[in-house]
């Protein structure tokens, strides 16, 4: 397994094993569908995003609160692509 494949596998696991079930479904589903096709910069940002609190993440993805600027575009993408799924 390459370093890239190993990293993607770890990120998918972290996406599916969140603190709240809603975020498991949102981030797990999104990671399965999109992680393999994102660029290195987005992958780095997504990895940083996974360190954020699940309750904050849920509020950002659901539009209940504004996401911090570094994550705003990625959160908007995840919300948009999750709605279509």
N, C-alpha and C. Protein backbone atom coordinates (compact mmCIF):
# COMPACT_ATOMS: atom_id res chain seq x y z
N UNK A 1 0.85 -1.18 0.00
CA UNK A 1 0.00 0.00 0.00
C UNK A 1 0.90 1.24 0.00
N UNK A 2 0.60 2.17 -0.88
CA UNK A 2 1.39 3.40 -0.96
C UNK A 2 1.08 4.32 0.23
N UNK A 3 1.94 5.29 0.43
CA UNK A 3 1.72 6.27 1.50
C UNK A 3 0.41 7.02 1.28
N UNK A 4 0.10 7.34 0.03
CA UNK A 4 -1.15 8.05 -0.29
C UNK A 4 -2.36 7.18 0.03
N UNK A 5 -2.31 5.92 -0.36
CA UNK A 5 -3.43 5.01 -0.07
C UNK A 5 -3.61 4.83 1.44
N UNK A 6 -2.50 4.73 2.16
CA UNK A 6 -2.54 4.60 3.61
C UNK A 6 -3.17 5.85 4.24
N UNK A 7 -2.78 7.01 3.76
CA UNK A 7 -3.34 8.26 4.28
C UNK A 7 -4.84 8.33 4.02
N UNK A 8 -5.26 8.01 2.81
CA UNK A 8 -6.69 8.04 2.48
C UNK A 8 -7.47 7.08 3.35
N UNK A 9 -6.92 5.89 3.59
CA UNK A 9 -7.60 4.91 4.43
C UNK A 9 -7.77 5.44 5.85
N UNK A 10 -6.72 6.04 6.40
CA UNK A 10 -6.79 6.60 7.76
C UNK A 10 -7.81 7.74 7.83
N UNK A 11 -7.84 8.59 6.80
CA UNK A 11 -8.80 9.69 6.80
C UNK A 11 -10.24 9.18 6.69
N UNK A 12 -10.44 8.14 5.90
CA UNK A 12 -11.78 7.56 5.80
C UNK A 12 -12.22 6.99 7.14
N UNK A 13 -11.32 6.29 7.81
CA UNK A 13 -11.65 5.73 9.12
C UNK A 13 -12.00 6.84 10.10
N UNK A 14 -11.20 7.89 10.12
CA UNK A 14 -11.48 9.03 11.01
C UNK A 14 -12.81 9.70 10.64
N UNK A 15 -13.15 9.69 9.36
CA UNK A 15 -14.41 10.29 8.91
C UNK A 15 -15.61 9.48 9.39
N UNK A 16 -15.48 8.17 9.42
CA UNK A 16 -16.59 7.30 9.82
C UNK A 16 -16.68 7.09 11.32
N UNK A 17 -15.64 7.43 12.06
CA UNK A 17 -15.64 7.20 13.50
C UNK A 17 -15.59 8.53 14.25
N UNK A 18 -16.62 9.29 14.07
CA UNK A 18 -16.74 10.60 14.71
C UNK A 18 -17.43 10.46 16.06
N UNK A 19 -17.67 11.57 16.73
CA UNK A 19 -18.32 11.53 18.04
C UNK A 19 -19.83 11.46 17.96
N UNK A 20 -20.40 11.94 16.86
CA UNK A 20 -21.85 11.89 16.72
C UNK A 20 -22.21 11.25 15.38
N UNK A 21 -23.28 10.48 15.39
CA UNK A 21 -23.68 9.68 14.23
C UNK A 21 -23.91 10.54 12.98
N UNK A 22 -24.48 11.73 13.16
CA UNK A 22 -24.74 12.60 12.01
C UNK A 22 -23.45 12.92 11.26
N UNK A 23 -22.39 13.18 12.02
CA UNK A 23 -21.11 13.50 11.37
C UNK A 23 -20.47 12.26 10.76
N UNK A 24 -20.70 11.08 11.37
CA UNK A 24 -20.24 9.84 10.73
C UNK A 24 -20.82 9.74 9.32
N UNK A 25 -22.12 9.96 9.24
CA UNK A 25 -22.80 9.82 7.96
C UNK A 25 -22.38 10.89 6.95
N UNK A 26 -22.27 12.12 7.42
CA UNK A 26 -21.91 13.22 6.52
C UNK A 26 -20.47 13.08 6.05
N UNK A 27 -19.54 13.02 6.99
CA UNK A 27 -18.12 12.98 6.61
C UNK A 27 -17.71 11.63 6.06
N UNK A 28 -18.26 10.55 6.60
CA UNK A 28 -17.94 9.23 6.08
C UNK A 28 -18.39 9.06 4.64
N UNK A 29 -19.63 9.44 4.40
CA UNK A 29 -20.14 9.34 3.03
C UNK A 29 -19.39 10.23 2.05
N UNK A 30 -19.09 11.45 2.50
CA UNK A 30 -18.37 12.37 1.63
C UNK A 30 -16.96 11.86 1.36
N UNK A 31 -16.30 11.36 2.39
CA UNK A 31 -14.92 10.88 2.20
C UNK A 31 -14.90 9.67 1.25
N UNK A 32 -15.85 8.77 1.38
CA UNK A 32 -15.91 7.62 0.48
C UNK A 32 -16.08 8.05 -0.98
N UNK A 33 -16.91 9.05 -1.18
CA UNK A 33 -17.23 9.50 -2.54
C UNK A 33 -16.18 10.42 -3.14
N UNK A 34 -15.46 11.21 -2.33
CA UNK A 34 -14.67 12.30 -2.90
C UNK A 34 -13.19 12.35 -2.53
N UNK A 35 -12.78 11.72 -1.44
CA UNK A 35 -11.40 11.90 -0.99
C UNK A 35 -10.36 11.49 -2.03
N UNK A 36 -10.59 10.41 -2.74
CA UNK A 36 -9.60 9.92 -3.70
C UNK A 36 -9.38 10.90 -4.85
N UNK A 37 -10.31 11.81 -5.07
CA UNK A 37 -10.20 12.71 -6.22
C UNK A 37 -9.83 14.14 -5.87
N UNK A 38 -9.63 14.45 -4.58
CA UNK A 38 -9.29 15.83 -4.22
C UNK A 38 -7.79 16.06 -4.35
N UNK A 39 -7.41 17.33 -4.52
CA UNK A 39 -5.99 17.67 -4.64
C UNK A 39 -5.32 17.65 -3.26
N UNK A 40 -4.00 17.74 -3.25
CA UNK A 40 -3.22 17.65 -2.01
C UNK A 40 -3.58 18.74 -1.02
N UNK A 41 -3.82 19.94 -1.50
CA UNK A 41 -4.18 21.06 -0.62
C UNK A 41 -5.51 20.80 0.08
N UNK A 42 -6.48 20.31 -0.66
CA UNK A 42 -7.79 19.99 -0.07
C UNK A 42 -7.67 18.84 0.91
N UNK A 43 -6.85 17.87 0.59
CA UNK A 43 -6.63 16.74 1.49
C UNK A 43 -6.03 17.21 2.81
N UNK A 44 -5.06 18.11 2.74
CA UNK A 44 -4.46 18.68 3.96
C UNK A 44 -5.51 19.43 4.78
N UNK A 45 -6.34 20.21 4.10
CA UNK A 45 -7.38 20.98 4.77
C UNK A 45 -8.41 20.04 5.41
N UNK A 46 -8.78 18.99 4.69
CA UNK A 46 -9.75 18.03 5.22
C UNK A 46 -9.19 17.35 6.46
N UNK A 47 -7.91 17.01 6.42
CA UNK A 47 -7.29 16.38 7.59
C UNK A 47 -7.34 17.32 8.80
N UNK A 48 -7.09 18.59 8.58
CA UNK A 48 -7.19 19.58 9.66
C UNK A 48 -8.64 19.70 10.14
N UNK A 49 -9.57 19.66 9.22
CA UNK A 49 -11.00 19.75 9.56
C UNK A 49 -11.41 18.63 10.50
N UNK A 50 -10.86 17.45 10.31
CA UNK A 50 -11.22 16.30 11.14
C UNK A 50 -10.80 16.48 12.60
N UNK A 51 -9.94 17.44 12.88
CA UNK A 51 -9.52 17.71 14.25
C UNK A 51 -10.50 18.63 14.99
N UNK A 52 -11.45 19.17 14.26
CA UNK A 52 -12.43 20.09 14.85
C UNK A 52 -13.51 19.31 15.61
N UNK A 53 -14.16 19.99 16.53
CA UNK A 53 -15.22 19.43 17.34
C UNK A 53 -16.44 19.06 16.48
N UNK A 54 -16.99 17.88 16.71
CA UNK A 54 -18.14 17.42 15.91
C UNK A 54 -19.35 18.33 15.99
N UNK A 55 -19.62 18.87 17.16
CA UNK A 55 -20.79 19.75 17.29
C UNK A 55 -20.59 21.03 16.46
N UNK A 56 -19.37 21.55 16.45
CA UNK A 56 -19.08 22.70 15.60
C UNK A 56 -19.21 22.32 14.13
N UNK A 57 -18.64 21.18 13.76
CA UNK A 57 -18.71 20.73 12.37
C UNK A 57 -20.16 20.60 11.91
N UNK A 58 -20.99 20.01 12.75
CA UNK A 58 -22.38 19.83 12.37
C UNK A 58 -23.07 21.17 12.16
N UNK A 59 -22.81 22.12 13.04
CA UNK A 59 -23.41 23.45 12.88
C UNK A 59 -22.93 24.10 11.59
N UNK A 60 -21.67 23.94 11.25
CA UNK A 60 -21.14 24.55 10.02
C UNK A 60 -21.76 23.89 8.78
N UNK A 61 -21.78 22.56 8.76
CA UNK A 61 -22.30 21.84 7.59
C UNK A 61 -23.79 22.08 7.41
N UNK A 62 -24.51 22.17 8.52
CA UNK A 62 -25.97 22.35 8.44
C UNK A 62 -26.37 23.81 8.25
N UNK A 63 -25.40 24.72 8.29
CA UNK A 63 -25.70 26.13 8.08
C UNK A 63 -26.19 26.85 9.32
N UNK A 64 -26.13 26.21 10.48
CA UNK A 64 -26.57 26.84 11.72
C UNK A 64 -25.56 27.86 12.23
N UNK A 65 -24.31 27.72 11.80
CA UNK A 65 -23.25 28.67 12.17
C UNK A 65 -22.28 28.78 11.00
N UNK A 66 -21.63 29.92 10.89
CA UNK A 66 -20.66 30.12 9.82
C UNK A 66 -19.36 29.39 10.15
N UNK A 67 -18.83 28.72 9.16
CA UNK A 67 -17.55 28.03 9.33
C UNK A 67 -16.41 29.06 9.35
N UNK A 68 -15.36 28.78 10.10
CA UNK A 68 -14.19 29.67 10.07
C UNK A 68 -13.63 29.76 8.65
N UNK A 69 -13.07 30.89 8.32
CA UNK A 69 -12.60 31.15 6.96
C UNK A 69 -11.72 30.04 6.36
N UNK A 70 -10.77 29.49 7.10
CA UNK A 70 -9.95 28.46 6.44
C UNK A 70 -10.76 27.27 5.95
N UNK A 71 -11.89 26.97 6.62
CA UNK A 71 -12.70 25.81 6.27
C UNK A 71 -13.95 26.14 5.46
N UNK A 72 -14.26 27.39 5.28
CA UNK A 72 -15.56 27.79 4.71
C UNK A 72 -15.84 27.15 3.36
N UNK A 73 -14.90 27.21 2.44
CA UNK A 73 -15.13 26.66 1.09
C UNK A 73 -15.28 25.14 1.14
N UNK A 74 -14.46 24.48 1.93
CA UNK A 74 -14.55 23.02 2.03
C UNK A 74 -15.86 22.60 2.68
N UNK A 75 -16.26 23.29 3.73
CA UNK A 75 -17.54 22.98 4.39
C UNK A 75 -18.69 23.18 3.42
N UNK A 76 -18.65 24.26 2.65
CA UNK A 76 -19.70 24.51 1.66
C UNK A 76 -19.74 23.39 0.62
N UNK A 77 -18.57 22.93 0.20
CA UNK A 77 -18.50 21.83 -0.77
C UNK A 77 -19.07 20.55 -0.17
N UNK A 78 -18.68 20.23 1.05
CA UNK A 78 -19.19 19.02 1.70
C UNK A 78 -20.71 19.09 1.84
N UNK A 79 -21.22 20.23 2.29
CA UNK A 79 -22.67 20.39 2.45
C UNK A 79 -23.39 20.24 1.10
N UNK A 80 -22.85 20.88 0.08
CA UNK A 80 -23.47 20.81 -1.25
C UNK A 80 -23.43 19.38 -1.80
N UNK A 81 -22.31 18.73 -1.70
CA UNK A 81 -22.17 17.40 -2.28
C UNK A 81 -22.87 16.34 -1.44
N UNK A 82 -23.09 16.61 -0.16
CA UNK A 82 -23.82 15.69 0.70
C UNK A 82 -25.32 15.79 0.40
N UNK A 83 -25.79 17.00 0.11
CA UNK A 83 -27.22 17.17 -0.23
C UNK A 83 -27.59 16.39 -1.48
N UNK A 84 -26.69 16.33 -2.45
CA UNK A 84 -26.97 15.65 -3.71
C UNK A 84 -26.92 14.14 -3.59
N UNK A 85 -26.25 13.65 -2.56
CA UNK A 85 -26.06 12.21 -2.43
C UNK A 85 -27.34 11.49 -2.05
